[in-house]
Structure formats: structure tokens, C-alpha cells
N, C-alpha and C. Protein backbone atom coordinates (compact mmCIF):
# COMPACT_ATOMS: atom_id res chain seq x y z
N MET A 1 0.84 -1.18 0.00
CA MET A 1 0.00 0.00 0.00
C MET A 1 0.89 1.25 0.00
N SER A 2 0.48 2.24 -0.74
CA SER A 2 1.23 3.50 -0.80
C SER A 2 1.15 4.23 0.53
N LYS A 3 2.22 4.95 0.84
CA LYS A 3 2.31 5.64 2.12
C LYS A 3 2.85 7.05 1.93
N VAL A 4 2.34 7.98 2.75
CA VAL A 4 2.85 9.34 2.79
C VAL A 4 3.45 9.57 4.18
N LEU A 5 4.73 9.90 4.20
CA LEU A 5 5.41 10.25 5.44
C LEU A 5 5.30 11.75 5.63
N MET A 6 5.00 12.16 6.86
CA MET A 6 4.84 13.58 7.17
C MET A 6 5.78 13.92 8.31
N LEU A 7 6.42 15.07 8.20
CA LEU A 7 7.39 15.50 9.20
C LEU A 7 6.93 16.82 9.80
N CYS A 8 6.74 16.83 11.13
CA CYS A 8 6.28 18.02 11.84
C CYS A 8 7.46 18.65 12.58
N ALA A 9 7.75 19.91 12.27
CA ALA A 9 8.90 20.59 12.84
C ALA A 9 8.58 21.41 14.08
N SER A 10 7.35 21.40 14.54
CA SER A 10 7.00 22.24 15.68
C SER A 10 7.58 21.68 16.99
N PRO A 11 8.12 22.56 17.84
CA PRO A 11 8.62 22.12 19.14
C PRO A 11 7.54 22.09 20.22
N ARG A 12 6.35 22.55 19.88
CA ARG A 12 5.28 22.66 20.87
C ARG A 12 4.51 21.35 21.03
N LYS A 13 4.10 21.09 22.27
CA LYS A 13 3.29 19.90 22.55
C LYS A 13 1.91 20.03 21.91
N GLU A 14 1.26 21.15 22.09
CA GLU A 14 -0.04 21.41 21.47
C GLU A 14 0.20 22.29 20.25
N SER A 15 0.53 21.64 19.17
CA SER A 15 1.04 22.33 17.99
C SER A 15 -0.02 22.52 16.91
N ASN A 16 -0.15 23.75 16.43
CA ASN A 16 -1.02 24.00 15.28
C ASN A 16 -0.50 23.29 14.04
N THR A 17 0.82 23.24 13.89
CA THR A 17 1.42 22.55 12.74
C THR A 17 1.05 21.08 12.76
N MET A 18 1.14 20.45 13.92
CA MET A 18 0.75 19.03 14.03
C MET A 18 -0.73 18.86 13.72
N HIS A 19 -1.56 19.77 14.20
CA HIS A 19 -2.99 19.68 13.93
C HIS A 19 -3.26 19.74 12.43
N VAL A 20 -2.60 20.65 11.74
CA VAL A 20 -2.78 20.76 10.28
C VAL A 20 -2.37 19.45 9.61
N LEU A 21 -1.22 18.89 10.02
CA LEU A 21 -0.76 17.63 9.42
C LEU A 21 -1.71 16.48 9.73
N GLU A 22 -2.27 16.46 10.93
CA GLU A 22 -3.24 15.42 11.27
C GLU A 22 -4.48 15.50 10.39
N GLU A 23 -4.94 16.71 10.11
CA GLU A 23 -6.09 16.86 9.21
C GLU A 23 -5.73 16.43 7.79
N CYS A 24 -4.52 16.74 7.37
CA CYS A 24 -4.05 16.30 6.04
C CYS A 24 -3.98 14.77 5.99
N ALA A 25 -3.50 14.16 7.08
CA ALA A 25 -3.40 12.70 7.14
C ALA A 25 -4.77 12.05 6.98
N LYS A 26 -5.79 12.62 7.61
CA LYS A 26 -7.15 12.07 7.48
C LYS A 26 -7.59 12.05 6.02
N THR A 27 -7.32 13.14 5.32
CA THR A 27 -7.70 13.23 3.91
C THR A 27 -6.94 12.21 3.06
N ILE A 28 -5.67 12.08 3.32
CA ILE A 28 -4.85 11.10 2.57
C ILE A 28 -5.36 9.69 2.83
N GLU A 29 -5.67 9.38 4.08
CA GLU A 29 -6.18 8.05 4.42
C GLU A 29 -7.55 7.79 3.80
N GLU A 30 -8.36 8.83 3.67
CA GLU A 30 -9.66 8.68 2.99
C GLU A 30 -9.49 8.28 1.53
N ASN A 31 -8.32 8.58 0.97
CA ASN A 31 -8.01 8.19 -0.40
C ASN A 31 -7.42 6.77 -0.47
N GLY A 32 -7.31 6.10 0.68
CA GLY A 32 -6.83 4.72 0.70
C GLY A 32 -5.32 4.55 0.88
N LEU A 33 -4.63 5.62 1.24
CA LEU A 33 -3.19 5.55 1.47
C LEU A 33 -2.91 5.54 2.97
N GLU A 34 -1.76 5.02 3.33
CA GLU A 34 -1.32 5.05 4.72
C GLU A 34 -0.58 6.36 4.97
N THR A 35 -0.57 6.79 6.22
CA THR A 35 0.22 7.97 6.61
C THR A 35 0.96 7.67 7.90
N GLU A 36 2.03 8.40 8.09
CA GLU A 36 2.74 8.41 9.37
C GLU A 36 3.28 9.81 9.58
N ILE A 37 3.01 10.35 10.75
CA ILE A 37 3.53 11.68 11.11
C ILE A 37 4.64 11.49 12.13
N ILE A 38 5.79 12.04 11.82
CA ILE A 38 6.93 12.01 12.74
C ILE A 38 7.16 13.43 13.23
N SER A 39 7.25 13.57 14.53
CA SER A 39 7.52 14.87 15.13
C SER A 39 9.01 15.01 15.42
N LEU A 40 9.55 16.17 15.11
CA LEU A 40 10.93 16.47 15.47
C LEU A 40 11.00 17.09 16.87
N ARG A 41 9.88 17.13 17.56
CA ARG A 41 9.73 17.88 18.82
C ARG A 41 10.84 17.65 19.83
N LYS A 42 11.19 16.43 20.12
CA LYS A 42 12.22 16.18 21.13
C LYS A 42 13.50 15.63 20.53
N LYS A 43 13.62 15.73 19.23
CA LYS A 43 14.83 15.24 18.58
C LYS A 43 15.87 16.37 18.50
N LYS A 44 17.10 16.00 18.51
CA LYS A 44 18.21 16.95 18.39
C LYS A 44 18.91 16.69 17.05
N ILE A 45 18.30 17.18 15.99
CA ILE A 45 18.82 16.96 14.64
C ILE A 45 19.97 17.93 14.38
N ARG A 46 21.12 17.39 14.07
CA ARG A 46 22.31 18.19 13.82
C ARG A 46 22.39 18.61 12.35
N SER A 47 23.15 19.64 12.11
CA SER A 47 23.40 20.09 10.74
C SER A 47 24.41 19.17 10.07
N CYS A 48 24.33 19.12 8.75
CA CYS A 48 25.28 18.34 7.96
C CYS A 48 26.69 18.85 8.25
N ILE A 49 27.64 17.93 8.41
CA ILE A 49 29.03 18.32 8.66
C ILE A 49 29.89 18.15 7.41
N ALA A 50 29.27 17.86 6.28
CA ALA A 50 29.95 17.75 4.99
C ALA A 50 31.11 16.76 5.02
N CYS A 51 30.91 15.64 5.71
CA CYS A 51 31.97 14.63 5.80
C CYS A 51 32.05 13.76 4.56
N GLY A 52 30.95 13.69 3.78
CA GLY A 52 30.93 12.90 2.56
C GLY A 52 30.76 11.41 2.77
N LYS A 53 30.61 10.98 4.01
CA LYS A 53 30.51 9.54 4.28
C LYS A 53 29.20 8.94 3.79
N CYS A 54 28.18 9.77 3.55
CA CYS A 54 26.90 9.24 3.07
C CYS A 54 27.06 8.53 1.73
N SER A 55 28.03 8.94 0.92
CA SER A 55 28.23 8.29 -0.38
C SER A 55 28.79 6.88 -0.21
N GLN A 56 29.45 6.61 0.90
CA GLN A 56 29.97 5.26 1.17
C GLN A 56 28.98 4.43 1.99
N LEU A 57 28.37 5.07 2.98
CA LEU A 57 27.49 4.37 3.91
C LEU A 57 26.05 4.22 3.41
N HIS A 58 25.64 5.09 2.48
CA HIS A 58 24.26 5.18 2.00
C HIS A 58 23.29 5.48 3.15
N GLN A 59 23.81 6.15 4.13
CA GLN A 59 23.05 6.72 5.23
C GLN A 59 23.92 7.83 5.81
N CYS A 60 23.38 8.57 6.74
CA CYS A 60 24.14 9.66 7.33
C CYS A 60 25.05 9.12 8.43
N ALA A 61 26.25 9.65 8.49
CA ALA A 61 27.22 9.23 9.52
C ALA A 61 26.83 9.73 10.91
N LEU A 62 26.03 10.78 10.98
CA LEU A 62 25.60 11.31 12.27
C LEU A 62 24.51 10.41 12.85
N LYS A 63 24.61 10.11 14.10
CA LYS A 63 23.66 9.19 14.75
C LYS A 63 22.76 9.96 15.71
N ASP A 64 21.71 10.57 15.17
CA ASP A 64 20.77 11.35 16.00
C ASP A 64 19.31 11.00 15.72
N GLY A 65 19.08 9.87 15.07
CA GLY A 65 17.72 9.43 14.78
C GLY A 65 17.24 9.74 13.37
N LEU A 66 17.99 10.53 12.62
CA LEU A 66 17.54 10.89 11.27
C LEU A 66 17.59 9.70 10.31
N ASN A 67 18.53 8.78 10.51
CA ASN A 67 18.60 7.62 9.61
C ASN A 67 17.33 6.77 9.66
N GLU A 68 16.69 6.70 10.82
CA GLU A 68 15.43 5.96 10.93
C GLU A 68 14.34 6.66 10.10
N ILE A 69 14.33 7.96 10.11
CA ILE A 69 13.37 8.72 9.30
C ILE A 69 13.68 8.50 7.82
N ILE A 70 14.95 8.52 7.46
CA ILE A 70 15.35 8.31 6.07
C ILE A 70 14.89 6.95 5.58
N GLU A 71 15.04 5.91 6.39
CA GLU A 71 14.60 4.56 5.99
C GLU A 71 13.09 4.53 5.75
N LYS A 72 12.33 5.20 6.60
CA LYS A 72 10.88 5.27 6.40
C LYS A 72 10.55 6.04 5.13
N LEU A 73 11.31 7.08 4.86
CA LEU A 73 11.09 7.88 3.66
C LEU A 73 11.38 7.08 2.39
N LYS A 74 12.39 6.24 2.44
CA LYS A 74 12.71 5.38 1.29
C LYS A 74 11.53 4.51 0.91
N ASP A 75 10.76 4.06 1.91
CA ASP A 75 9.62 3.17 1.68
C ASP A 75 8.32 3.92 1.44
N SER A 76 8.36 5.23 1.38
CA SER A 76 7.16 6.05 1.19
C SER A 76 7.06 6.54 -0.24
N ASP A 77 5.84 6.82 -0.66
CA ASP A 77 5.60 7.38 -1.99
C ASP A 77 5.41 8.89 -1.94
N GLY A 78 5.14 9.41 -0.74
CA GLY A 78 4.92 10.84 -0.58
C GLY A 78 5.61 11.36 0.66
N PHE A 79 5.84 12.68 0.66
CA PHE A 79 6.54 13.32 1.78
C PHE A 79 6.01 14.73 1.93
N ILE A 80 5.38 15.00 3.07
CA ILE A 80 4.87 16.34 3.37
C ILE A 80 5.57 16.83 4.63
N ILE A 81 6.01 18.08 4.58
CA ILE A 81 6.66 18.67 5.75
C ILE A 81 5.84 19.86 6.22
N GLY A 82 5.77 20.01 7.52
CA GLY A 82 5.07 21.15 8.10
C GLY A 82 5.98 21.84 9.09
N SER A 83 6.03 23.17 9.00
CA SER A 83 6.88 23.93 9.90
C SER A 83 6.18 25.19 10.37
N PRO A 84 6.35 25.50 11.65
CA PRO A 84 5.97 26.84 12.09
C PRO A 84 6.99 27.82 11.53
N VAL A 85 6.60 29.06 11.46
CA VAL A 85 7.50 30.11 10.95
C VAL A 85 8.04 30.90 12.14
N TYR A 86 9.35 30.89 12.30
CA TYR A 86 10.01 31.66 13.35
C TYR A 86 10.96 32.64 12.69
N PHE A 87 10.74 33.92 12.91
CA PHE A 87 11.58 34.97 12.35
C PHE A 87 11.69 34.85 10.83
N GLY A 88 10.58 34.51 10.19
CA GLY A 88 10.50 34.49 8.73
C GLY A 88 11.12 33.28 8.07
N THR A 89 11.44 32.24 8.84
CA THR A 89 12.05 31.04 8.24
C THR A 89 11.48 29.78 8.87
N ALA A 90 11.77 28.66 8.22
CA ALA A 90 11.40 27.35 8.76
C ALA A 90 12.29 27.03 9.96
N ARG A 91 11.86 26.12 10.78
CA ARG A 91 12.64 25.70 11.94
C ARG A 91 13.99 25.13 11.50
N GLY A 92 15.01 25.48 12.23
CA GLY A 92 16.37 25.06 11.91
C GLY A 92 16.54 23.55 11.86
N GLU A 93 15.93 22.84 12.81
CA GLU A 93 16.06 21.38 12.83
C GLU A 93 15.49 20.76 11.56
N LEU A 94 14.39 21.32 11.07
CA LEU A 94 13.80 20.80 9.84
C LEU A 94 14.74 21.01 8.67
N MET A 95 15.28 22.21 8.54
CA MET A 95 16.16 22.48 7.40
C MET A 95 17.44 21.63 7.49
N SER A 96 17.95 21.41 8.70
CA SER A 96 19.10 20.52 8.87
C SER A 96 18.74 19.10 8.44
N ALA A 97 17.56 18.63 8.84
CA ALA A 97 17.11 17.29 8.45
C ALA A 97 16.97 17.19 6.94
N LEU A 98 16.34 18.19 6.32
CA LEU A 98 16.14 18.14 4.87
C LEU A 98 17.45 18.14 4.11
N GLN A 99 18.40 18.93 4.55
CA GLN A 99 19.70 18.97 3.88
C GLN A 99 20.39 17.61 3.95
N ARG A 100 20.34 17.00 5.11
CA ARG A 100 20.98 15.68 5.26
C ARG A 100 20.23 14.59 4.51
N ILE A 101 18.89 14.63 4.53
CA ILE A 101 18.10 13.67 3.76
C ILE A 101 18.44 13.79 2.28
N GLY A 102 18.52 15.02 1.78
CA GLY A 102 18.86 15.25 0.38
C GLY A 102 20.24 14.73 0.03
N MET A 103 21.20 14.93 0.91
CA MET A 103 22.56 14.44 0.67
C MET A 103 22.59 12.91 0.59
N VAL A 104 21.88 12.26 1.51
CA VAL A 104 21.84 10.80 1.49
C VAL A 104 21.14 10.31 0.23
N SER A 105 20.05 10.95 -0.16
CA SER A 105 19.35 10.54 -1.38
C SER A 105 20.25 10.67 -2.60
N MET A 106 20.91 11.81 -2.73
CA MET A 106 21.75 12.04 -3.91
C MET A 106 22.93 11.07 -3.96
N SER A 107 23.38 10.61 -2.80
CA SER A 107 24.51 9.68 -2.78
C SER A 107 24.06 8.22 -2.77
N SER A 108 22.74 7.99 -2.82
CA SER A 108 22.19 6.63 -2.73
C SER A 108 21.17 6.36 -3.82
N GLY A 109 21.43 6.82 -5.03
CA GLY A 109 20.53 6.52 -6.14
C GLY A 109 19.31 7.41 -6.26
N ASN A 110 19.33 8.56 -5.61
CA ASN A 110 18.23 9.52 -5.70
C ASN A 110 16.87 8.91 -5.36
N PHE A 111 16.78 8.30 -4.18
CA PHE A 111 15.53 7.64 -3.77
C PHE A 111 14.36 8.61 -3.61
N LEU A 112 14.63 9.91 -3.55
CA LEU A 112 13.54 10.89 -3.44
C LEU A 112 12.90 11.21 -4.79
N SER A 113 13.58 10.92 -5.87
CA SER A 113 13.11 11.26 -7.20
C SER A 113 11.71 10.69 -7.46
N TRP A 114 10.81 11.55 -7.89
CA TRP A 114 9.43 11.24 -8.25
C TRP A 114 8.53 10.92 -7.07
N LYS A 115 8.99 11.17 -5.84
CA LYS A 115 8.07 11.11 -4.71
C LYS A 115 7.22 12.39 -4.77
N VAL A 116 6.02 12.31 -4.25
CA VAL A 116 5.07 13.42 -4.32
C VAL A 116 4.95 14.06 -2.94
N GLY A 117 4.94 15.38 -2.90
CA GLY A 117 4.75 16.04 -1.61
C GLY A 117 4.97 17.53 -1.69
N GLY A 118 5.29 18.11 -0.54
CA GLY A 118 5.53 19.54 -0.49
C GLY A 118 5.42 20.05 0.94
N PRO A 119 5.60 21.37 1.09
CA PRO A 119 5.61 21.99 2.41
C PRO A 119 4.31 22.69 2.79
N ILE A 120 4.14 22.82 4.11
CA ILE A 120 3.06 23.62 4.69
C ILE A 120 3.68 24.50 5.77
N ALA A 121 3.36 25.79 5.74
CA ALA A 121 3.89 26.74 6.74
C ALA A 121 2.75 27.24 7.62
N VAL A 122 3.02 27.32 8.92
CA VAL A 122 2.03 27.80 9.89
C VAL A 122 2.66 28.94 10.68
N ALA A 123 1.97 30.09 10.72
CA ALA A 123 2.53 31.24 11.44
C ALA A 123 1.44 32.16 11.96
N ARG A 124 1.83 32.99 12.90
CA ARG A 124 0.91 33.94 13.51
C ARG A 124 0.53 35.06 12.54
N ARG A 125 1.53 35.70 11.92
CA ARG A 125 1.24 36.88 11.12
C ARG A 125 1.88 36.87 9.73
N GLY A 126 3.16 36.53 9.63
CA GLY A 126 3.83 36.65 8.34
C GLY A 126 5.04 35.73 8.24
N GLY A 127 5.64 35.78 7.06
CA GLY A 127 6.80 34.93 6.79
C GLY A 127 6.45 33.62 6.12
N HIS A 128 5.16 33.40 5.88
CA HIS A 128 4.72 32.15 5.28
C HIS A 128 5.35 31.90 3.91
N THR A 129 5.23 32.87 3.01
CA THR A 129 5.68 32.62 1.64
C THR A 129 7.18 32.42 1.57
N ALA A 130 7.95 33.17 2.33
CA ALA A 130 9.41 32.97 2.33
C ALA A 130 9.75 31.59 2.87
N THR A 131 9.01 31.14 3.88
CA THR A 131 9.25 29.83 4.46
C THR A 131 8.89 28.72 3.48
N ILE A 132 7.76 28.86 2.80
CA ILE A 132 7.38 27.87 1.79
C ILE A 132 8.44 27.80 0.70
N GLN A 133 8.89 28.96 0.23
CA GLN A 133 9.93 28.97 -0.80
C GLN A 133 11.20 28.28 -0.32
N GLU A 134 11.58 28.56 0.93
CA GLU A 134 12.77 27.93 1.50
C GLU A 134 12.62 26.40 1.52
N MET A 135 11.47 25.92 1.95
CA MET A 135 11.25 24.48 2.03
C MET A 135 11.07 23.84 0.65
N LEU A 136 10.48 24.58 -0.29
CA LEU A 136 10.28 24.05 -1.65
C LEU A 136 11.59 23.69 -2.34
N MET A 137 12.66 24.40 -2.03
CA MET A 137 13.94 24.12 -2.67
C MET A 137 14.34 22.65 -2.48
N PHE A 138 14.06 22.09 -1.30
CA PHE A 138 14.37 20.68 -1.04
C PHE A 138 13.65 19.78 -2.05
N PHE A 139 12.38 20.03 -2.29
CA PHE A 139 11.59 19.19 -3.18
C PHE A 139 12.07 19.32 -4.62
N PHE A 140 12.33 20.53 -5.05
CA PHE A 140 12.74 20.74 -6.43
C PHE A 140 14.13 20.18 -6.73
N ILE A 141 15.08 20.40 -5.85
CA ILE A 141 16.44 19.93 -6.11
C ILE A 141 16.55 18.40 -6.03
N ASN A 142 15.56 17.77 -5.40
CA ASN A 142 15.56 16.32 -5.28
C ASN A 142 14.63 15.64 -6.29
N ASP A 143 14.23 16.37 -7.35
CA ASP A 143 13.45 15.80 -8.45
C ASP A 143 12.11 15.23 -7.98
N MET A 144 11.48 15.95 -7.06
CA MET A 144 10.20 15.51 -6.52
C MET A 144 9.05 16.25 -7.20
N ILE A 145 7.85 15.72 -7.04
CA ILE A 145 6.67 16.30 -7.65
C ILE A 145 5.87 17.03 -6.57
N VAL A 146 5.58 18.31 -6.81
CA VAL A 146 4.85 19.13 -5.85
C VAL A 146 3.54 19.58 -6.49
N PRO A 147 2.41 18.99 -6.05
CA PRO A 147 1.13 19.43 -6.61
C PRO A 147 0.69 20.76 -6.00
N GLY A 148 -0.20 21.42 -6.67
CA GLY A 148 -0.73 22.68 -6.17
C GLY A 148 -1.95 22.48 -5.29
N SER A 149 -2.58 23.57 -4.98
CA SER A 149 -3.82 23.58 -4.20
C SER A 149 -4.62 24.79 -4.64
N THR A 150 -5.50 25.27 -3.79
CA THR A 150 -6.32 26.42 -4.13
C THR A 150 -5.65 27.74 -3.76
N TYR A 151 -4.55 27.68 -3.04
CA TYR A 151 -3.77 28.85 -2.64
C TYR A 151 -2.43 28.33 -2.14
N TRP A 152 -1.61 29.18 -1.54
CA TRP A 152 -0.35 28.73 -0.96
C TRP A 152 -0.65 27.88 0.27
N ASN A 153 0.19 26.90 0.55
CA ASN A 153 0.00 25.99 1.68
C ASN A 153 0.42 26.67 2.98
N MET A 154 -0.43 27.57 3.45
CA MET A 154 -0.12 28.31 4.67
C MET A 154 -1.37 28.45 5.53
N VAL A 155 -1.13 28.38 6.84
CA VAL A 155 -2.21 28.51 7.81
C VAL A 155 -1.80 29.57 8.83
N PHE A 156 -2.73 30.46 9.14
CA PHE A 156 -2.49 31.49 10.15
C PHE A 156 -2.94 30.97 11.51
N ALA A 157 -2.02 30.89 12.47
CA ALA A 157 -2.35 30.44 13.82
C ALA A 157 -1.19 30.76 14.74
N HIS A 158 -1.51 30.99 16.00
CA HIS A 158 -0.47 31.25 17.00
C HIS A 158 -0.70 30.39 18.24
N GLN A 159 -1.77 30.66 18.96
CA GLN A 159 -2.07 29.90 20.17
C GLN A 159 -2.63 28.53 19.79
N PRO A 160 -2.45 27.53 20.65
CA PRO A 160 -2.97 26.18 20.37
C PRO A 160 -4.45 26.22 19.98
N GLY A 161 -4.78 25.53 18.90
CA GLY A 161 -6.15 25.45 18.44
C GLY A 161 -6.58 26.51 17.46
N GLU A 162 -5.76 27.52 17.24
CA GLU A 162 -6.15 28.62 16.34
C GLU A 162 -6.14 28.23 14.86
N ALA A 163 -5.46 27.16 14.50
CA ALA A 163 -5.41 26.75 13.09
C ALA A 163 -6.81 26.52 12.53
N GLU A 164 -7.68 25.94 13.33
CA GLU A 164 -9.06 25.67 12.88
C GLU A 164 -9.81 26.94 12.51
N LYS A 165 -9.45 28.06 13.12
CA LYS A 165 -10.13 29.33 12.84
C LYS A 165 -9.79 29.88 11.46
N ASP A 166 -8.65 29.46 10.90
CA ASP A 166 -8.28 29.88 9.55
C ASP A 166 -8.87 28.87 8.56
N THR A 167 -10.15 29.03 8.28
CA THR A 167 -10.85 28.06 7.45
C THR A 167 -10.27 27.98 6.03
N GLU A 168 -9.88 29.13 5.48
CA GLU A 168 -9.29 29.11 4.13
C GLU A 168 -7.95 28.39 4.14
N GLY A 169 -7.13 28.65 5.15
CA GLY A 169 -5.84 27.99 5.25
C GLY A 169 -5.98 26.48 5.42
N MET A 170 -6.89 26.07 6.28
CA MET A 170 -7.12 24.64 6.49
C MET A 170 -7.64 23.98 5.21
N LYS A 171 -8.57 24.66 4.55
CA LYS A 171 -9.12 24.12 3.30
C LYS A 171 -8.01 23.95 2.26
N THR A 172 -7.12 24.92 2.18
CA THR A 172 -6.01 24.87 1.23
C THR A 172 -5.07 23.71 1.55
N ALA A 173 -4.70 23.54 2.82
CA ALA A 173 -3.80 22.46 3.21
C ALA A 173 -4.43 21.09 2.96
N ILE A 174 -5.71 20.97 3.27
CA ILE A 174 -6.40 19.70 3.06
C ILE A 174 -6.54 19.39 1.57
N LYS A 175 -6.81 20.39 0.75
CA LYS A 175 -6.87 20.19 -0.70
C LYS A 175 -5.51 19.76 -1.24
N PHE A 176 -4.43 20.37 -0.71
CA PHE A 176 -3.08 19.98 -1.09
C PHE A 176 -2.85 18.50 -0.76
N ALA A 177 -3.23 18.08 0.45
CA ALA A 177 -3.06 16.68 0.86
C ALA A 177 -3.86 15.76 -0.05
N ASP A 178 -5.07 16.16 -0.40
CA ASP A 178 -5.90 15.38 -1.32
C ASP A 178 -5.21 15.25 -2.68
N ASN A 179 -4.63 16.33 -3.15
CA ASN A 179 -3.92 16.30 -4.43
C ASN A 179 -2.68 15.41 -4.36
N VAL A 180 -1.97 15.43 -3.23
CA VAL A 180 -0.83 14.53 -3.06
C VAL A 180 -1.29 13.08 -3.19
N ALA A 181 -2.34 12.72 -2.47
CA ALA A 181 -2.85 11.36 -2.50
C ALA A 181 -3.31 10.96 -3.91
N LYS A 182 -4.07 11.81 -4.55
CA LYS A 182 -4.59 11.49 -5.88
C LYS A 182 -3.47 11.36 -6.91
N LEU A 183 -2.46 12.18 -6.80
CA LEU A 183 -1.33 12.09 -7.73
C LEU A 183 -0.55 10.80 -7.51
N ILE A 184 -0.34 10.42 -6.26
CA ILE A 184 0.35 9.15 -5.99
C ILE A 184 -0.43 8.00 -6.59
N LEU A 185 -1.75 8.02 -6.42
CA LEU A 185 -2.59 6.95 -6.97
C LEU A 185 -2.53 6.91 -8.49
N LYS A 186 -2.45 8.06 -9.12
CA LYS A 186 -2.33 8.13 -10.59
C LYS A 186 -1.00 7.57 -11.08
N ILE A 187 0.05 7.91 -10.36
CA ILE A 187 1.40 7.47 -10.75
C ILE A 187 1.57 5.97 -10.55
N LYS A 188 1.02 5.47 -9.45
CA LYS A 188 1.18 4.03 -9.11
C LYS A 188 0.32 3.23 -10.02
């Protein structure tokens, strides 16, 4: 069965980003696909140290839990990432994870190529579009397919539970998730 792996970059226990991804997961599952959401909340993901060992090991030399995520990603057909926006950018741990995942993929036969997915940004007031652009670079440079939606994949929220109040943002994210699922089904 096809699967979509989702990565939540929020450090909060009651996270709007996680809530958005959970709603996306429901939509994907309604299309008959499996989902798994992994939280980076208590993980200490390090930045790439440019050691080049991934080309020999076909995994990252750093041992901080990212290799387990990479193995799950290898077995997935889709990949959606969600990040809160802090100071106009995605969370540092997420970008470190994406850079290392990309390095391992490129040194291991480009296992990300033709996977379907994309980013979702959640923020109180602004920085959404810059954050989406920042995260999109990972998908494009790794030869992945990013479907559209009815608007940009962004949700306005700050305090726990506020994501639901942004009905347009939630509708956009859920439509994006539906498009990810439908595209995977078309390709498979």
C-alpha cells in the first residue's frame, strides 16, 4: 500500500502545525493511502558536517535518529513537511534534516526522485511565503513532484487550536493533501 510520510517541525506539545498535518493525514487516508507523522519535537537533529561519508554508507554518519526517518522515507511514496515560521524562516532542525536527507538521497541513487509532496507553513502573522519557498527548494532539487492547491499551503495560527479558525488555510492544506494522494494513486 502506498504511504505518505509527514514530518512536523514544531517544538510545541499542542502544535497548530501538528494539527494541520493530522487533518491532512485524514484526507490522505480517505483516499486509501497510509500515513505516518513524525515529530521532530524532542529530537536533536544536527546540521550536515559535509563529511561525505553518506556516499559510502548510503546513510548519514551522524547518529541522532535521522537515519530511521530516512529509511521510512525510502519506503514512502509521498513526503509532506510542516513547519511553524520563526523569524521568517522554517525551523532550523527541519532544514538541517532536509539537507541531510537530500545528501543521502543524492549519494544513494536519488531515492527521493518522483516522490510526491511539499511543504506547509504555519505562522501567527507573516513569513509564510518565504518559508514555503525555503522548504520548496528541497523538493525541487531532489526531483520531486509538488502538486498545487487552491492557494499557498499556509495557515495562520499562533495559540494552540487557532489553526481551525483559519478556514481558508485549512481548506487549502487539506486540498493539497488530497492532491498529493490522488497524484500518488495516478502514478502508481
